[in-house]
Amino acid sequence: MDEKTKKHGFHPVYLLLIVPFIALLWVPLYNRIEPQIFGIPFFYWYQTVWTFLGTACTIPVYLYEERKGK
């Protein structure tokens, strides 16, 4: 393989970027009020939790890209 193919190849770690996208794109999954946490409807706290989970899914991709670049 030449250097250009290695640099732009697909790695399974990139699939982690799809997880938060699908989880937040499918609105009927979380378009409800119950269960509530501290009076906050499910619709809002689900999206807030995915802010952190999305970050957790992005970090391995970032670390892979940093390691690959060296």
Protein backbone atom coordinates (compact mmCIF):
# COMPACT_ATOMS: atom_id res chain seq x y z
CA MET A 1 0.00 0.00 0.00
CA ASP A 2 1.21 3.45 -0.72
CA GLU A 3 1.22 6.28 1.83
CA LYS A 4 -1.87 7.98 0.37
CA THR A 5 -4.02 4.84 0.75
CA LYS A 6 -2.94 4.34 4.35
CA LYS A 7 -3.69 7.94 5.22
CA HIS A 8 -7.26 7.93 3.87
CA GLY A 9 -8.31 4.35 4.70
CA PHE A 10 -11.37 3.34 6.66
CA HIS A 11 -11.03 2.18 10.25
CA PRO A 12 -13.89 0.79 12.40
CA VAL A 13 -13.32 3.50 15.02
CA TYR A 14 -15.05 5.92 12.64
CA LEU A 15 -18.33 4.04 13.19
CA LEU A 16 -18.45 5.59 16.67
CA LEU A 17 -19.33 8.91 15.00
CA ILE A 18 -22.56 7.41 13.67
CA VAL A 19 -23.88 6.40 17.11
CA PRO A 20 -24.79 9.88 18.47
CA PHE A 21 -26.00 10.96 15.04
CA ILE A 22 -28.55 8.13 14.87
CA ALA A 23 -29.50 8.38 18.55
CA LEU A 24 -30.45 12.04 18.16
CA LEU A 25 -31.78 11.86 14.61
CA TRP A 26 -34.52 9.36 15.51
CA VAL A 27 -36.78 11.83 17.35
CA PRO A 28 -39.74 9.47 17.98
CA LEU A 29 -37.42 7.51 20.28
CA TYR A 30 -37.20 10.36 22.79
CA ASN A 31 -40.24 12.52 21.98
CA ARG A 32 -41.99 11.96 25.33
CA ILE A 33 -42.23 13.40 28.81
CA GLU A 34 -41.83 10.31 31.01
CA PRO A 35 -39.60 9.28 32.74
CA GLN A 36 -38.66 12.52 34.41
CA ILE A 37 -35.50 13.13 36.40
CA PHE A 38 -35.79 15.89 39.02
CA GLY A 39 -38.85 17.18 37.14
CA ILE A 40 -36.97 17.44 33.82
CA PRO A 41 -38.85 15.70 30.97
CA PHE A 42 -37.19 12.80 29.18
CA PHE A 43 -37.00 14.83 25.94
CA TYR A 44 -34.57 17.30 27.51
CA TRP A 45 -32.40 15.09 29.68
CA TYR A 46 -31.96 12.52 26.88
CA GLN A 47 -30.45 15.20 24.65
CA THR A 48 -28.28 16.50 27.50
CA VAL A 49 -26.93 13.02 28.23
CA TRP A 50 -26.08 12.59 24.55
CA THR A 51 -23.99 15.73 24.69
CA PHE A 52 -21.61 13.85 26.98
CA LEU A 53 -21.99 10.50 25.23
CA GLY A 54 -21.28 12.17 21.89
CA THR A 55 -18.06 13.52 23.34
CA ALA A 56 -17.20 10.05 24.62
CA CYS A 57 -17.76 8.66 21.11
CA THR A 58 -15.61 11.37 19.51
CA ILE A 59 -12.57 11.04 21.79
CA PRO A 60 -11.44 7.60 20.48
CA VAL A 61 -11.67 8.88 16.90
CA TYR A 62 -9.62 11.94 17.81
CA LEU A 63 -6.98 9.84 19.57
CA TYR A 64 -6.82 7.46 16.59
CA GLU A 65 -6.32 10.37 14.20
CA GLU A 66 -3.62 11.89 16.41
CA ARG A 67 -1.77 8.58 16.66
CA LYS A 68 -2.10 8.00 12.91
CA GLY A 69 -0.69 11.42 12.12
CA LYS A 70 2.61 10.76 13.89
